[in-house]
Amino acid sequence: MTAFFASCLAVSLILDALTIFSQDRTRWRYRALLVVVLVLVWVLLGLLLTQIVGRTSSIVPSAKIWAPERLPTTGRDAAVLLASFGGPAVLATVLGVWALRASRRKRPSRSGRLERWP
């Protein structure tokens, strides 16, 4: 599952470049694929975190034996896990949104309308 998550991140980066640099008639396909892959990345992130929490919950003892002093280290471990998987997902999403915005069809300027000076 982790390898599939990493593969989807790599595919999203490839689709970012294809979306920006492709021709107009094929751009919509890459845009649609990019949106599907980005949604898949977030679904896989949720599944990965659920799977890891499920595996570790069987290792952690029941609430009767739970020590309150372990709570800060558990929270820190959860933050590291979320950052290590969530950070690349956020980066891929931000780059994907920028690629989608950059590849929008440009509106032709209307005649008689004043253009802004740079």
PDB file of N, CA and C in Angstrom:
ATOM      1  N   MET A   1       0.824  -1.189   0.000  1.00  0.00           N
ATOM      2  CA  MET A   1       0.000   0.000   0.000  1.00  0.00           C
ATOM      3  C   MET A   1       0.867   1.251   0.000  1.00  0.00           C
ATOM      4  N   THR A   2       1.967   1.207   0.731  1.00  0.00           N
ATOM      5  CA  THR A   2       2.863   2.359   0.761  1.00  0.00           C
ATOM      6  C   THR A   2       3.509   2.589  -0.601  1.00  0.00           C
ATOM      7  N   ALA A   3       3.857   1.513  -1.281  1.00  0.00           N
ATOM      8  CA  ALA A   3       4.453   1.649  -2.614  1.00  0.00           C
ATOM      9  C   ALA A   3       3.445   2.217  -3.612  1.00  0.00           C
ATOM     10  N   PHE A   4       2.189   1.827  -3.488  1.00  0.00           N
ATOM     11  CA  PHE A   4       1.151   2.368  -4.368  1.00  0.00           C
ATOM     12  C   PHE A   4       0.932   3.853  -4.099  1.00  0.00           C
ATOM     13  N   PHE A   5       0.987   4.243  -2.825  1.00  0.00           N
ATOM     14  CA  PHE A   5       0.877   5.653  -2.447  1.00  0.00           C
ATOM     15  C   PHE A   5       2.020   6.455  -3.061  1.00  0.00           C
ATOM     16  N   ALA A   6       3.243   5.941  -2.951  1.00  0.00           N
ATOM     17  CA  ALA A   6       4.402   6.628  -3.522  1.00  0.00           C
ATOM     18  C   ALA A   6       4.320   6.674  -5.048  1.00  0.00           C
ATOM     19  N   SER A   7       3.825   5.612  -5.653  1.00  0.00           N
ATOM     20  CA  SER A   7       3.667   5.598  -7.111  1.00  0.00           C
ATOM     21  C   SER A   7       2.639   6.630  -7.566  1.00  0.00           C
ATOM     22  N   CYS A   8       1.561   6.760  -6.814  1.00  0.00           N
ATOM     23  CA  CYS A   8       0.553   7.771  -7.160  1.00  0.00           C
ATOM     24  C   CYS A   8       1.109   9.184  -7.026  1.00  0.00           C
ATOM     25  N   LEU A   9       1.972   9.406  -6.034  1.00  0.00           N
ATOM     26  CA  LEU A   9       2.617  10.717  -5.902  1.00  0.00           C
ATOM     27  C   LEU A   9       3.498  11.005  -7.114  1.00  0.00           C
ATOM     28  N   ALA A  10       4.253  10.000  -7.562  1.00  0.00           N
ATOM     29  CA  ALA A  10       5.115  10.185  -8.732  1.00  0.00           C
ATOM     30  C   ALA A  10       4.285  10.408  -9.994  1.00  0.00           C
ATOM     31  N   VAL A  11       3.201   9.669 -10.134  1.00  0.00           N
ATOM     32  CA  VAL A  11       2.327   9.841 -11.302  1.00  0.00           C
ATOM     33  C   VAL A  11       1.700  11.229 -11.290  1.00  0.00           C
ATOM     34  N   SER A  12       1.356  11.733 -10.118  1.00  0.00           N
ATOM     35  CA  SER A  12       0.767  13.077 -10.062  1.00  0.00           C
ATOM     36  C   SER A  12       1.770  14.140 -10.495  1.00  0.00           C
ATOM     37  N   LEU A  13       3.033  13.956 -10.168  1.00  0.00           N
ATOM     38  CA  LEU A  13       4.053  14.917 -10.617  1.00  0.00           C
ATOM     39  C   LEU A  13       4.234  14.858 -12.132  1.00  0.00           C
ATOM     40  N   ILE A  14       4.190  13.658 -12.688  1.00  0.00           N
ATOM     41  CA  ILE A  14       4.292  13.518 -14.143  1.00  0.00           C
ATOM     42  C   ILE A  14       3.093  14.154 -14.822  1.00  0.00           C
ATOM     43  N   LEU A  15       1.906  13.930 -14.260  1.00  0.00           N
ATOM     44  CA  LEU A  15       0.701  14.520 -14.843  1.00  0.00           C
ATOM     45  C   LEU A  15       0.679  16.039 -14.703  1.00  0.00           C
ATOM     46  N   ASP A  16       1.319  16.566 -13.647  1.00  0.00           N
ATOM     47  CA  ASP A  16       1.446  18.028 -13.528  1.00  0.00           C
ATOM     48  C   ASP A  16       2.174  18.595 -14.746  1.00  0.00           C
ATOM     49  N   ALA A  17       3.305  17.980 -15.069  1.00  0.00           N
ATOM     50  CA  ALA A  17       4.087  18.465 -16.214  1.00  0.00           C
ATOM     51  C   ALA A  17       3.333  18.263 -17.520  1.00  0.00           C
ATOM     52  N   LEU A  18       2.683  17.119 -17.677  1.00  0.00           N
ATOM     53  CA  LEU A  18       1.933  16.877 -18.903  1.00  0.00           C
ATOM     54  C   LEU A  18       0.758  17.838 -19.042  1.00  0.00           C
ATOM     55  N   THR A  19       0.135  18.176 -17.948  1.00  0.00           N
ATOM     56  CA  THR A  19      -1.001  19.095 -17.989  1.00  0.00           C
ATOM     57  C   THR A  19      -0.571  20.482 -18.445  1.00  0.00           C
ATOM     58  N   ILE A  20       0.563  20.921 -17.985  1.00  0.00           N
ATOM     59  CA  ILE A  20       1.015  22.273 -18.325  1.00  0.00           C
ATOM     60  C   ILE A  20       1.547  22.334 -19.751  1.00  0.00           C
ATOM     61  N   PHE A  21       2.329  21.336 -20.167  1.00  0.00           N
ATOM     62  CA  PHE A  21       3.040  21.425 -21.435  1.00  0.00           C
ATOM     63  C   PHE A  21       2.375  20.683 -22.594  1.00  0.00           C
ATOM     64  N   SER A  22       1.173  20.177 -22.415  1.00  0.00           N
ATOM     65  CA  SER A  22       0.525  19.441 -23.499  1.00  0.00           C
ATOM     66  C   SER A  22      -0.238  20.394 -24.422  1.00  0.00           C
ATOM     67  N   GLN A  23      -0.662  19.841 -25.556  1.00  0.00           N
ATOM     68  CA  GLN A  23      -1.447  20.628 -26.501  1.00  0.00           C
ATOM     69  C   GLN A  23      -2.863  20.798 -25.964  1.00  0.00           C
ATOM     70  N   ASP A  24      -3.559  21.783 -26.518  1.00  0.00           N
ATOM     71  CA  ASP A  24      -4.890  22.104 -26.008  1.00  0.00           C
ATOM     72  C   ASP A  24      -5.889  20.960 -26.177  1.00  0.00           C
ATOM     73  N   ARG A  25      -5.806  20.225 -27.265  1.00  0.00           N
ATOM     74  CA  ARG A  25      -6.812  19.187 -27.503  1.00  0.00           C
ATOM     75  C   ARG A  25      -6.619  17.959 -26.616  1.00  0.00           C
ATOM     76  N   THR A  26      -5.431  17.719 -26.067  1.00  0.00           N
ATOM     77  CA  THR A  26      -5.224  16.585 -25.164  1.00  0.00           C
ATOM     78  C   THR A  26      -5.116  17.010 -23.704  1.00  0.00           C
ATOM     79  N   ARG A  27      -5.129  18.284 -23.461  1.00  0.00           N
ATOM     80  CA  ARG A  27      -4.932  18.786 -22.091  1.00  0.00           C
ATOM     81  C   ARG A  27      -6.057  18.358 -21.159  1.00  0.00           C
ATOM     82  N   TRP A  28      -7.276  18.296 -21.646  1.00  0.00           N
ATOM     83  CA  TRP A  28      -8.403  17.958 -20.776  1.00  0.00           C
ATOM     84  C   TRP A  28      -8.286  16.533 -20.233  1.00  0.00           C
ATOM     85  N   ARG A  29      -7.695  15.642 -21.018  1.00  0.00           N
ATOM     86  CA  ARG A  29      -7.500  14.260 -20.538  1.00  0.00           C
ATOM     87  C   ARG A  29      -6.511  14.225 -19.381  1.00  0.00           C
ATOM     88  N   TYR A  30      -5.418  14.950 -19.537  1.00  0.00           N
ATOM     89  CA  TYR A  30      -4.425  14.986 -18.467  1.00  0.00           C
ATOM     90  C   TYR A  30      -4.973  15.675 -17.225  1.00  0.00           C
ATOM     91  N   ARG A  31      -5.786  16.698 -17.431  1.00  0.00           N
ATOM     92  CA  ARG A  31      -6.397  17.379 -16.293  1.00  0.00           C
ATOM     93  C   ARG A  31      -7.320  16.436 -15.536  1.00  0.00           C
ATOM     94  N   ALA A  32      -8.129  15.667 -16.251  1.00  0.00           N
ATOM     95  CA  ALA A  32      -9.041  14.717 -15.618  1.00  0.00           C
ATOM     96  C   ALA A  32      -8.263  13.625 -14.885  1.00  0.00           C
ATOM     97  N   LEU A  33      -7.228  13.107 -15.523  1.00  0.00           N
ATOM     98  CA  LEU A  33      -6.397  12.083 -14.870  1.00  0.00           C
ATOM     99  C   LEU A  33      -5.713  12.634 -13.625  1.00  0.00           C
ATOM    100  N   LEU A  34      -5.270  13.889 -13.694  1.00  0.00           N
ATOM    101  CA  LEU A  34      -4.615  14.504 -12.540  1.00  0.00           C
ATOM    102  C   LEU A  34      -5.573  14.616 -11.367  1.00  0.00           C
ATOM    103  N   VAL A  35      -6.794  15.011 -11.628  1.00  0.00           N
ATOM    104  CA  VAL A  35      -7.785  15.116 -10.551  1.00  0.00           C
ATOM    105  C   VAL A  35      -8.062  13.737  -9.949  1.00  0.00           C
ATOM    106  N   VAL A  36      -8.190  12.722 -10.793  1.00  0.00           N
ATOM    107  CA  VAL A  36      -8.444  11.360 -10.299  1.00  0.00           C
ATOM    108  C   VAL A  36      -7.278  10.871  -9.448  1.00  0.00           C
ATOM    109  N   VAL A  37      -6.059  11.121  -9.905  1.00  0.00           N
ATOM    110  CA  VAL A  37      -4.885  10.659  -9.153  1.00  0.00           C
ATOM    111  C   VAL A  37      -4.758  11.409  -7.825  1.00  0.00           C
ATOM    112  N   LEU A  38      -5.060  12.695  -7.805  1.00  0.00           N
ATOM    113  CA  LEU A  38      -4.978  13.444  -6.544  1.00  0.00           C
ATOM    114  C   LEU A  38      -6.031  12.982  -5.543  1.00  0.00           C
ATOM    115  N   VAL A  39      -7.219  12.667  -6.015  1.00  0.00           N
ATOM    116  CA  VAL A  39      -8.240  12.115  -5.120  1.00  0.00           C
ATOM    117  C   VAL A  39      -7.783  10.752  -4.604  1.00  0.00           C
ATOM    118  N   LEU A  40      -7.191   9.956  -5.481  1.00  0.00           N
ATOM    119  CA  LEU A  40      -6.678   8.646  -5.086  1.00  0.00           C
ATOM    120  C   LEU A  40      -5.561   8.771  -4.048  1.00  0.00           C
ATOM    121  N   VAL A  41      -4.720   9.786  -4.173  1.00  0.00           N
ATOM    122  CA  VAL A  41      -3.649  10.011  -3.195  1.00  0.00           C
ATOM    123  C   VAL A  41      -4.241  10.246  -1.812  1.00  0.00           C
ATOM    124  N   TRP A  42      -5.283  11.059  -1.727  1.00  0.00           N
ATOM    125  CA  TRP A  42      -5.870  11.353  -0.415  1.00  0.00           C
ATOM    126  C   TRP A  42      -6.634  10.154   0.139  1.00  0.00           C
ATOM    127  N   VAL A  43      -7.269   9.381  -0.719  1.00  0.00           N
ATOM    128  CA  VAL A  43      -7.934   8.161  -0.251  1.00  0.00           C
ATOM    129  C   VAL A  43      -6.893   7.176   0.271  1.00  0.00           C
ATOM    130  N   LEU A  44      -5.797   7.029  -0.462  1.00  0.00           N
ATOM    131  CA  LEU A  44      -4.730   6.124  -0.009  1.00  0.00           C
ATOM    132  C   LEU A  44      -4.092   6.612   1.282  1.00  0.00           C
ATOM    133  N   LEU A  45      -3.969   7.917   1.456  1.00  0.00           N
ATOM    134  CA  LEU A  45      -3.427   8.446   2.710  1.00  0.00           C
ATOM    135  C   LEU A  45      -4.323   8.050   3.876  1.00  0.00           C
ATOM    136  N   GLY A  46      -5.617   8.199   3.712  1.00  0.00           N
ATOM    137  CA  GLY A  46      -6.542   7.781   4.768  1.00  0.00           C
ATOM    138  C   GLY A  46      -6.468   6.293   5.047  1.00  0.00           C
ATOM    139  N   LEU A  47      -6.396   5.490   3.983  1.00  0.00           N
ATOM    140  CA  LEU A  47      -6.285   4.041   4.161  1.00  0.00           C
ATOM    141  C   LEU A  47      -4.971   3.643   4.831  1.00  0.00           C
ATOM    142  N   LEU A  48      -3.894   4.312   4.442  1.00  0.00           N
ATOM    143  CA  LEU A  48      -2.588   4.022   5.051  1.00  0.00           C
ATOM    144  C   LEU A  48      -2.592   4.329   6.544  1.00  0.00           C
ATOM    145  N   LEU A  49      -3.107   5.499   6.894  1.00  0.00           N
ATOM    146  CA  LEU A  49      -3.134   5.862   8.311  1.00  0.00           C
ATOM    147  C   LEU A  49      -4.040   4.921   9.100  1.00  0.00           C
ATOM    148  N   THR A  50      -5.165   4.524   8.509  1.00  0.00           N
ATOM    149  CA  THR A  50      -6.058   3.576   9.177  1.00  0.00           C
ATOM    150  C   THR A  50      -5.388   2.227   9.350  1.00  0.00           C
ATOM    151  N   GLN A  51      -4.667   1.794   8.329  1.00  0.00           N
ATOM    152  CA  GLN A  51      -3.976   0.507   8.409  1.00  0.00           C
ATOM    153  C   GLN A  51      -2.882   0.535   9.468  1.00  0.00           C
ATOM    154  N   ILE A  52      -2.123   1.608   9.530  1.00  0.00           N
ATOM    155  CA  ILE A  52      -1.039   1.694  10.508  1.00  0.00           C
ATOM    156  C   ILE A  52      -1.597   1.787  11.924  1.00  0.00           C
ATOM    157  N   VAL A  53      -2.652   2.564  12.108  1.00  0.00           N
ATOM    158  CA  VAL A  53      -3.276   2.661  13.436  1.00  0.00           C
ATOM    159  C   VAL A  53      -3.857   1.312  13.836  1.00  0.00           C
ATOM    160  N   GLY A  54      -4.429   0.593  12.893  1.00  0.00           N
ATOM    161  CA  GLY A  54      -4.963  -0.733  13.187  1.00  0.00           C
ATOM    162  C   GLY A  54      -3.890  -1.725  13.598  1.00  0.00           C
ATOM    163  N   ARG A  55      -2.756  -1.633  12.946  1.00  0.00           N
ATOM    164  CA  ARG A  55      -1.657  -2.538  13.309  1.00  0.00           C
ATOM    165  C   ARG A  55      -1.088  -2.201  14.677  1.00  0.00           C
ATOM    166  N   THR A  56      -0.948  -0.919  14.963  1.00  0.00           N
ATOM    167  CA  THR A  56      -0.351  -0.539  16.248  1.00  0.00           C
ATOM    168  C   THR A  56      -1.326  -0.664  17.404  1.00  0.00           C
ATOM    169  N   SER A  57      -2.627  -0.633  17.143  1.00  0.00           N
ATOM    170  CA  SER A  57      -3.581  -0.769  18.245  1.00  0.00           C
ATOM    171  C   SER A  57      -3.551  -2.178  18.824  1.00  0.00           C
ATOM    172  N   SER A  58      -3.149  -3.162  18.033  1.00  0.00           N
ATOM    173  CA  SER A  58      -3.040  -4.511  18.570  1.00  0.00           C
ATOM    174  C   SER A  58      -1.792  -4.668  19.437  1.00  0.00           C
ATOM    175  N   ILE A  59      -0.807  -3.782  19.235  1.00  0.00           N
ATOM    176  CA  ILE A  59       0.421  -3.846  20.021  1.00  0.00           C
ATOM    177  C   ILE A  59       0.269  -3.116  21.346  1.00  0.00           C
ATOM    178  N   VAL A  60      -0.467  -2.014  21.320  1.00  0.00           N
ATOM    179  CA  VAL A  60      -0.651  -1.197  22.520  1.00  0.00           C
ATOM    180  C   VAL A  60      -1.561  -1.942  23.482  1.00  0.00           C
ATOM    181  N   PRO A  61      -1.223  -1.965  24.759  1.00  0.00           N
ATOM    182  CA  PRO A  61      -2.048  -2.678  25.731  1.00  0.00           C
ATOM    183  C   PRO A  61      -3.401  -1.998  25.934  1.00  0.00           C
ATOM    184  N   SER A  62      -4.306  -2.697  26.594  1.00  0.00           N
ATOM    185  CA  SER A  62      -5.655  -2.178  26.803  1.00  0.00           C
ATOM    186  C   SER A  62      -5.632  -0.948  27.714  1.00  0.00           C
ATOM    187  N   ALA A  63      -6.772  -0.313  27.865  1.00  0.00           N
ATOM    188  CA  ALA A  63      -6.864   0.936  28.629  1.00  0.00           C
ATOM    189  C   ALA A  63      -6.600   0.720  30.112  1.00  0.00           C
ATOM    190  N   LYS A  64      -6.800  -0.482  30.611  1.00  0.00           N
ATOM    191  CA  LYS A  64      -6.564  -0.750  32.026  1.00  0.00           C
ATOM    192  C   LYS A  64      -5.085  -0.666  32.370  1.00  0.00           C
ATOM    193  N   ILE A  65      -4.236  -1.024  31.413  1.00  0.00           N
ATOM    194  CA  ILE A  65      -2.792  -1.040  31.659  1.00  0.00           C
ATOM    195  C   ILE A  65      -2.140   0.218  31.104  1.00  0.00           C
ATOM    196  N   TRP A  66      -2.891   1.039  30.399  1.00  0.00           N
ATOM    197  CA  TRP A  66      -2.339   2.219  29.718  1.00  0.00           C
ATOM    198  C   TRP A  66      -1.734   3.191  30.716  1.00  0.00           C
ATOM    199  N   ALA A  67      -0.519   3.623  30.445  1.00  0.00           N
ATOM    200  CA  ALA A  67       0.181   4.568  31.324  1.00  0.00           C
ATOM    201  C   ALA A  67       0.022   5.984  30.771  1.00  0.00           C
ATOM    202  N   PRO A  68      -0.420   6.936  31.576  1.00  0.00           N
ATOM    203  CA  PRO A  68      -0.607   8.305  31.097  1.00  0.00           C
ATOM    204  C   PRO A  68       0.691   8.978  30.649  1.00  0.00           C
ATOM    205  N   GLU A  69       1.823   8.535  31.152  1.00  0.00           N
ATOM    206  CA  GLU A  69       3.089   9.152  30.749  1.00  0.00           C
ATOM    207  C   GLU A  69       3.482   8.796  29.319  1.00  0.00           C
ATOM    208  N   ARG A  70       2.834   7.801  28.732  1.00  0.00           N
ATOM    209  CA  ARG A  70       3.122   7.433  27.340  1.00  0.00           C
ATOM    210  C   ARG A  70       2.405   8.331  26.332  1.00  0.00           C
ATOM    211  N   LEU A  71       1.420   9.098  26.782  1.00  0.00           N
ATOM    212  CA  LEU A  71       0.615   9.904  25.880  1.00  0.00           C
ATOM    213  C   LEU A  71       1.427  10.915  25.075  1.00  0.00           C
ATOM    214  N   PRO A  72       2.375  11.668  25.653  1.00  0.00           N
ATOM    215  CA  PRO A  72       3.143  12.612  24.828  1.00  0.00           C
ATOM    216  C   PRO A  72       3.965  11.925  23.726  1.00  0.00           C
ATOM    217  N   THR A  73       4.554  10.783  24.012  1.00  0.00           N
ATOM    218  CA  THR A  73       5.340  10.101  22.980  1.00  0.00           C
ATOM    219  C   THR A  73       4.432   9.531  21.895  1.00  0.00           C
ATOM    220  N   THR A  74       3.253   9.081  22.260  1.00  0.00           N
ATOM    221  CA  THR A  74       2.309   8.567  21.267  1.00  0.00           C
ATOM    222  C   THR A  74       1.829   9.695  20.370  1.00  0.00           C
ATOM    223  N   GLY A  75       1.539  10.848  20.946  1.00  0.00           N
ATOM    224  CA  GLY A  75       1.125  11.999  20.149  1.00  0.00           C
ATOM    225  C   GLY A  75       2.219  12.463  19.209  1.00  0.00           C
ATOM    226  N   ARG A  76       3.449  12.430  19.700  1.00  0.00           N
ATOM    227  CA  ARG A  76       4.580  12.820  18.859  1.00  0.00           C
ATOM    228  C   ARG A  76       4.768  11.831  17.717  1.00  0.00           C
ATOM    229  N   ASP A  77       4.610  10.549  18.004  1.00  0.00           N
ATOM    230  CA  ASP A  77       4.706   9.533  16.947  1.00  0.00           C
ATOM    231  C   ASP A  77       3.604   9.699  15.909  1.00  0.00           C
ATOM    232  N   ALA A  78       2.408  10.034  16.359  1.00  0.00           N
ATOM    233  CA  ALA A  78       1.302  10.252  15.421  1.00  0.00           C
ATOM    234  C   ALA A  78       1.560  11.484  14.551  1.00  0.00           C
ATOM    235  N   ALA A  79       2.134  12.529  15.139  1.00  0.00           N
ATOM    236  CA  ALA A  79       2.445  13.735  14.363  1.00  0.00           C
ATOM    237  C   ALA A  79       3.529  13.453  13.325  1.00  0.00           C
ATOM    238  N   VAL A  80       4.525  12.662  13.693  1.00  0.00           N
ATOM    239  CA  VAL A  80       5.585  12.301  12.744  1.00  0.00           C
ATOM    240  C   VAL A  80       5.008  11.464  11.603  1.00  0.00           C
ATOM    241  N   LEU A  81       4.126  10.537  11.925  1.00  0.00           N
ATOM    242  CA  LEU A  81       3.493   9.697  10.908  1.00  0.00           C
ATOM    243  C   LEU A  81       2.639  10.534   9.964  1.00  0.00           C
ATOM    244  N   LEU A  82       1.865  11.444  10.515  1.00  0.00           N
ATOM    245  CA  LEU A  82       1.022  12.296   9.687  1.00  0.00           C
ATOM    246  C   LEU A  82       1.856  13.221   8.810  1.00  0.00           C
ATOM    247  N   ALA A  83       2.952  13.742   9.350  1.00  0.00           N
ATOM    248  CA  ALA A  83       3.814  14.629   8.564  1.00  0.00           C
ATOM    249  C   ALA A  83       4.560  13.864   7.473  1.00  0.00           C
ATOM    250  N   SER A  84       4.981  12.645   7.775  1.00  0.00           N
ATOM    251  CA  SER A  84       5.763  11.903   6.786  1.00  0.00           C
ATOM    252  C   SER A  84       4.914  11.446   5.606  1.00  0.00           C
ATOM    253  N   PHE A  85       3.641  11.154   5.826  1.00  0.00           N
ATOM    254  CA  PHE A  85       2.769  10.779   4.714  1.00  0.00           C
ATOM    255  C   PHE A  85       1.962  11.964   4.207  1.00  0.00           C
ATOM    256  N   GLY A  86       1.528  12.827   5.101  1.00  0.00           N
ATOM    257  CA  GLY A  86       0.687  13.950   4.711  1.00  0.00           C
ATOM    258  C   GLY A  86       1.440  15.055   4.002  1.00  0.00           C
ATOM    259  N   GLY A  87       2.703  15.264   4.356  1.00  0.00           N
ATOM    260  CA  GLY A  87       3.501  16.314   3.720  1.00  0.00           C
ATOM    261  C   GLY A  87       3.638  16.133   2.214  1.00  0.00           C
ATOM    262  N   PRO A  88       4.072  14.960   1.758  1.00  0.00           N
ATOM    263  CA  PRO A  88       4.133  14.748   0.310  1.00  0.00           C
ATOM    264  C   PRO A  88       2.771  14.815  -0.373  1.00  0.00           C
ATOM    265  N   ALA A  89       1.714  14.383   0.322  1.00  0.00           N
ATOM    266  CA  ALA A  89       0.373  14.460  -0.272  1.00  0.00           C
ATOM    267  C   ALA A  89      -0.060  15.913  -0.442  1.00  0.00           C
ATOM    268  N   VAL A  90       0.246  16.736   0.551  1.00  0.00           N
ATOM    269  CA  VAL A  90      -0.089  18.165   0.452  1.00  0.00           C
ATOM    270  C   VAL A  90       0.727  18.822  -0.657  1.00  0.00           C
ATOM    271  N   LEU A  91       2.008  18.494  -0.738  1.00  0.00           N
ATOM    272  CA  LEU A  91       2.860  19.060  -1.786  1.00  0.00           C
ATOM    273  C   LEU A  91       2.360  18.670  -3.177  1.00  0.00           C
ATOM    274  N   ALA A  92       2.018  17.398  -3.360  1.00  0.00           N
ATOM    275  CA  ALA A  92       1.497  16.948  -4.659  1.00  0.00           C
ATOM    276  C   ALA A  92       0.176  17.639  -4.991  1.00  0.00           C
ATOM    277  N   THR A  93      -0.656  17.867  -3.976  1.00  0.00           N
ATOM    278  CA  THR A  93      -1.936  18.538  -4.209  1.00  0.00           C
ATOM    279  C   THR A  93      -1.739  19.996  -4.584  1.00  0.00           C
ATOM    280  N   VAL A  94      -0.846  20.680  -3.882  1.00  0.00           N
ATOM    281  CA  VAL A  94      -0.582  22.091  -4.206  1.00  0.00           C
ATOM    282  C   VAL A  94      -0.020  22.224  -5.617  1.00  0.00           C
ATOM    283  N   LEU A  95       0.936  21.372  -5.964  1.00  0.00           N
ATOM    284  CA  LEU A  95       1.487  21.413  -7.323  1.00  0.00           C
ATOM    285  C   LEU A  95       0.437  21.055  -8.364  1.00  0.00           C
ATOM    286  N   GLY A  96      -0.443  20.113  -8.040  1.00  0.00           N
ATOM    287  CA  GLY A  96      -1.510  19.746  -8.963  1.00  0.00           C
ATOM    288  C   GLY A  96      -2.503  20.876  -9.174  1.00  0.00           C
ATOM    289  N   VAL A  97      -2.859  21.577  -8.098  1.00  0.00           N
ATOM    290  CA  VAL A  97      -3.780  22.711  -8.231  1.00  0.00           C
ATOM    291  C   VAL A  97      -3.127  23.815  -9.051  1.00  0.00           C
ATOM    292  N   TRP A  98      -1.858  24.069  -8.819  1.00  0.00           N
ATOM    293  CA  TRP A  98      -1.158  25.086  -9.621  1.00  0.00           C
ATOM    294  C   TRP A  98      -1.111  24.686 -11.092  1.00  0.00           C
ATOM    295  N   ALA A  99      -0.889  23.404 -11.359  1.00  0.00           N
ATOM    296  CA  ALA A  99      -0.864  22.940 -12.757  1.00  0.00           C
ATOM    297  C   ALA A  99      -2.242  23.081 -13.401  1.00  0.00           C
ATOM    298  N   LEU A 100      -3.291  22.786 -12.638  1.00  0.00           N
ATOM    299  CA  LEU A 100      -4.641  22.940 -13.173  1.00  0.00           C
ATOM    300  C   LEU A 100      -4.968  24.405 -13.445  1.00  0.00           C
ATOM    301  N   ARG A 101      -4.548  25.280 -12.558  1.00  0.00           N
ATOM    302  CA  ARG A 101      -4.799  26.712 -12.765  1.00  0.00           C
ATOM    303  C   ARG A 101      -3.974  27.259 -13.927  1.00  0.00           C
ATOM    304  N   ALA A 102      -2.748  26.787 -14.064  1.00  0.00           N
ATOM    305  CA  ALA A 102      -1.876  27.289 -15.133  1.00  0.00           C
ATOM    306  C   ALA A 102      -2.309  26.773 -16.501  1.00  0.00           C
ATOM    307  N   SER A 103      -3.010  25.657 -16.539  1.00  0.00           N
ATOM    308  CA  SER A 103      -3.377  25.072 -17.825  1.00  0.00           C
ATOM    309  C   SER A 103      -4.791  25.440 -18.260  1.00  0.00           C
ATOM    310  N   ARG A 104      -5.429  26.344 -17.552  1.00  0.00           N
ATOM    311  CA  ARG A 104      -6.768  26.757 -17.972  1.00  0.00           C
ATOM    312  C   ARG A 104      -6.709  27.426 -19.328  1.00  0.00           C
ATOM    313  N   ARG A 105      -7.781  27.285 -20.062  1.00  0.00           N
ATOM    314  CA  ARG A 105      -7.857  27.908 -21.383  1.00  0.00           C
ATOM    315  C   ARG A 105      -7.902  29.420 -21.201  1.00  0.00           C
ATOM    316  N   LYS A 106      -7.031  30.080 -21.914  1.00  0.00           N
ATOM    317  CA  LYS A 106      -6.961  31.539 -21.834  1.00  0.00           C
ATOM    318  C   LYS A 106      -8.123  32.143 -22.612  1.00  0.00           C
ATOM    319  N   ARG A 107      -8.759  33.106 -22.026  1.00  0.00           N
ATOM    320  CA  ARG A 107      -9.845  33.798 -22.712  1.00  0.00           C
ATOM    321  C   ARG A 107      -9.257  34.784 -23.702  1.00  0.00           C
ATOM    322  N   PRO A 108      -9.778  34.787 -24.909  1.00  0.00           N
ATOM    323  CA  PRO A 108      -9.259  35.768 -25.874  1.00  0.00           C
ATOM    324  C   PRO A 108      -9.674  37.177 -25.439  1.00  0.00           C
ATOM    325  N   SER A 109      -8.772  38.109 -25.645  1.00  0.00           N
ATOM    326  CA  SER A 109      -9.077  39.481 -25.245  1.00  0.00           C
ATOM    327  C   SER A 109     -10.101  40.064 -26.217  1.00  0.00           C
ATOM    328  N   ARG A 110     -11.011  40.815 -25.659  1.00  0.00           N
ATOM    329  CA  ARG A 110     -12.055  41.424 -26.482  1.00  0.00           C
ATOM    330  C   ARG A 110     -11.524  42.713 -27.088  1.00  0.00           C
ATOM    331  N   SER A 111     -11.882  42.937 -28.317  1.00  0.00           N
ATOM    332  CA  SER A 111     -11.430  44.174 -28.949  1.00  0.00           C
ATOM    333  C   SER A 111     -12.161  45.350 -28.317  1.00  0.00           C
ATOM    334  N   GLY A 112     -11.458  46.440 -28.198  1.00  0.00           N
ATOM    335  CA  GLY A 112     -12.025  47.626 -27.591  1.00  0.00           C
ATOM    336  C   GLY A 112     -11.840  47.674 -26.092  1.00  0.00           C
ATOM    337  N   ARG A 113     -11.347  46.621 -25.519  1.00  0.00           N
ATOM    338  CA  ARG A 113     -11.115  46.595 -24.082  1.00  0.00           C
ATOM    339  C   ARG A 113      -9.664  46.961 -23.822  1.00  0.00           C
ATOM    340  N   LEU A 114      -9.437  47.830 -22.878  1.00  0.00           N
ATOM    341  CA  LEU A 114      -8.088  48.255 -22.563  1.00  0.00           C
ATOM    342  C   LEU A 114      -7.370  47.170 -21.785  1.00  0.00           C
ATOM    343  N   GLU A 115      -6.176  46.878 -22.223  1.00  0.00           N
ATOM    344  CA  GLU A 115      -5.345  45.896 -21.531  1.00  0.00           C
ATOM    345  C   GLU A 115      -4.572  46.607 -20.434  1.00  0.00           C
ATOM    346  N   ARG A 116      -4.296  45.910 -19.376  1.00  0.00           N
ATOM    347  CA  ARG A 116      -3.499  46.507 -18.298  1.00  0.00           C
ATOM    348  C   ARG A 116      -2.035  46.527 -18.709  1.00  0.00           C
ATOM    349  N   TRP A 117      -1.380  47.579 -18.313  1.00  0.00           N
ATOM    350  CA  TRP A 117       0.054  47.667 -18.584  1.00  0.00           C
ATOM    351  C   TRP A 117       0.798  46.851 -17.563  1.00  0.00           C
ATOM    352  N   PRO A 118       1.914  46.252 -17.937  1.00  0.00           N
ATOM    353  CA  PRO A 118       2.669  45.430 -16.986  1.00  0.00           C
ATOM    354  C   PRO A 118       3.310  46.241 -15.896  1.00  0.00           C
TER     355      PRO A 118
END
